[in-house]
C-alpha cells in the first residue's frame, strides 16, 4: 500500500472517521479509506496540512500543560518557607 494511503488511514482513524456501517472492533485499514486515499493527488497536501494542524495542537496542549504543572518558584525556596 502506498505511504500516502497509509498516512491517510492513520489520520482518518485517529480522528475517529469511520466508514458507514463501521464495527467498533475493526481497527485495520479499511478498503474505503484506501480507495479514498488513492482517488486524488491533492490528498497529499491535505494530509500534510492536517498533520501539521494536529501536531501544532499537540504542542500547544503540551505547552499549556507544562505551564500549569511547572511551579512558579523553585522547590527548594518553597520548602524553605514552610520550615
Protein backbone atom coordinates (compact mmCIF):
# COMPACT_ATOMS: atom_id res chain seq x y z
CA UNK A 1 0.00 0.00 0.00
CA UNK A 2 1.41 3.44 -0.87
CA UNK A 3 2.71 5.55 2.02
CA UNK A 4 0.15 8.24 1.24
CA UNK A 5 -2.72 5.79 1.70
CA UNK A 6 -1.25 4.54 4.97
CA UNK A 7 -0.89 8.10 6.30
CA UNK A 8 -4.46 8.88 5.31
CA UNK A 9 -5.80 5.79 7.03
CA UNK A 10 -3.88 6.50 10.25
CA UNK A 11 -5.07 10.12 10.32
CA UNK A 12 -8.65 9.22 9.46
CA UNK A 13 -8.81 6.58 12.17
CA UNK A 14 -7.05 8.80 14.72
CA UNK A 15 -9.66 11.48 14.11
CA UNK A 16 -12.44 8.95 14.61
CA UNK A 17 -13.52 8.78 10.98
CA UNK A 18 -15.38 5.60 10.20
CA UNK A 19 -16.93 4.09 7.13
CA UNK A 20 -20.71 3.69 7.01
CA UNK A 21 -21.62 0.57 8.97
CA UNK A 22 -18.33 0.66 10.89
CA UNK A 23 -17.93 -2.01 13.55
CA UNK A 24 -16.07 -0.84 16.67
CA UNK A 25 -13.77 -3.86 16.65
CA UNK A 26 -12.45 -3.11 13.15
CA UNK A 27 -9.16 -1.30 13.65
CA UNK A 28 -7.40 -2.44 10.47
CA UNK A 29 -7.07 -0.46 7.23
CA UNK A 30 -10.49 -0.12 5.64
CA UNK A 31 -10.93 -0.53 1.91
CA UNK A 32 -12.99 2.69 1.81
CA UNK A 33 -10.08 4.66 3.27
CA UNK A 34 -7.57 3.14 0.86
CA UNK A 35 -9.83 3.85 -2.10
CA UNK A 36 -10.44 7.41 -0.93
CA UNK A 37 -6.72 7.94 -0.30
CA UNK A 38 -5.85 6.88 -3.82
CA UNK A 39 -8.56 8.96 -5.54
CA UNK A 40 -6.86 12.35 -5.53
CA UNK A 41 -3.41 13.85 -5.85
CA UNK A 42 -4.49 16.84 -3.77
CA UNK A 43 -4.75 14.49 -0.81
CA UNK A 44 -1.01 14.70 -0.10
CA UNK A 45 -1.30 18.43 0.58
CA UNK A 46 -4.46 17.96 2.66
CA UNK A 47 -2.81 15.25 4.75
CA UNK A 48 0.25 17.41 5.33
CA UNK A 49 -1.94 20.35 6.41
CA UNK A 50 -3.99 18.12 8.69
CA UNK A 51 -0.91 16.51 10.22
CA UNK A 52 0.60 19.96 10.80
CA UNK A 53 -2.58 21.17 12.50
CA UNK A 54 -2.72 18.08 14.73
CA UNK A 55 0.97 18.49 15.61
CA UNK A 56 0.50 22.20 16.39
CA UNK A 57 -2.48 21.38 18.60
CA UNK A 58 -0.49 18.73 20.49
CA UNK A 59 2.42 21.13 21.01
CA UNK A 60 0.04 23.81 22.30
CA UNK A 61 -1.62 21.30 24.66
CA UNK A 62 1.77 20.21 25.99
CA UNK A 63 2.85 23.83 26.45
CA UNK A 64 -0.32 24.65 28.39
CA UNK A 65 0.02 21.51 30.50
CA UNK A 66 3.66 22.31 31.24
CA UNK A 67 2.76 25.86 32.28
CA UNK A 68 0.05 24.52 34.57
CA UNK A 69 2.28 21.85 36.15
CA UNK A 70 5.53 23.81 36.44
CA UNK A 71 5.75 25.53 39.83
CA UNK A 72 6.27 29.29 39.70
CA UNK A 73 9.19 29.13 42.11
CA UNK A 74 11.89 26.50 42.65
CA UNK A 75 11.06 23.70 45.07
CA UNK A 76 13.91 24.49 47.45
CA UNK A 77 12.54 28.01 48.06
CA UNK A 78 9.02 26.70 48.62
CA UNK A 79 10.30 24.10 51.09
CA UNK A 80 12.42 26.69 52.90
CA UNK A 81 9.37 28.86 53.56
CA UNK A 82 7.41 26.02 55.12
CA UNK A 83 10.23 25.11 57.51
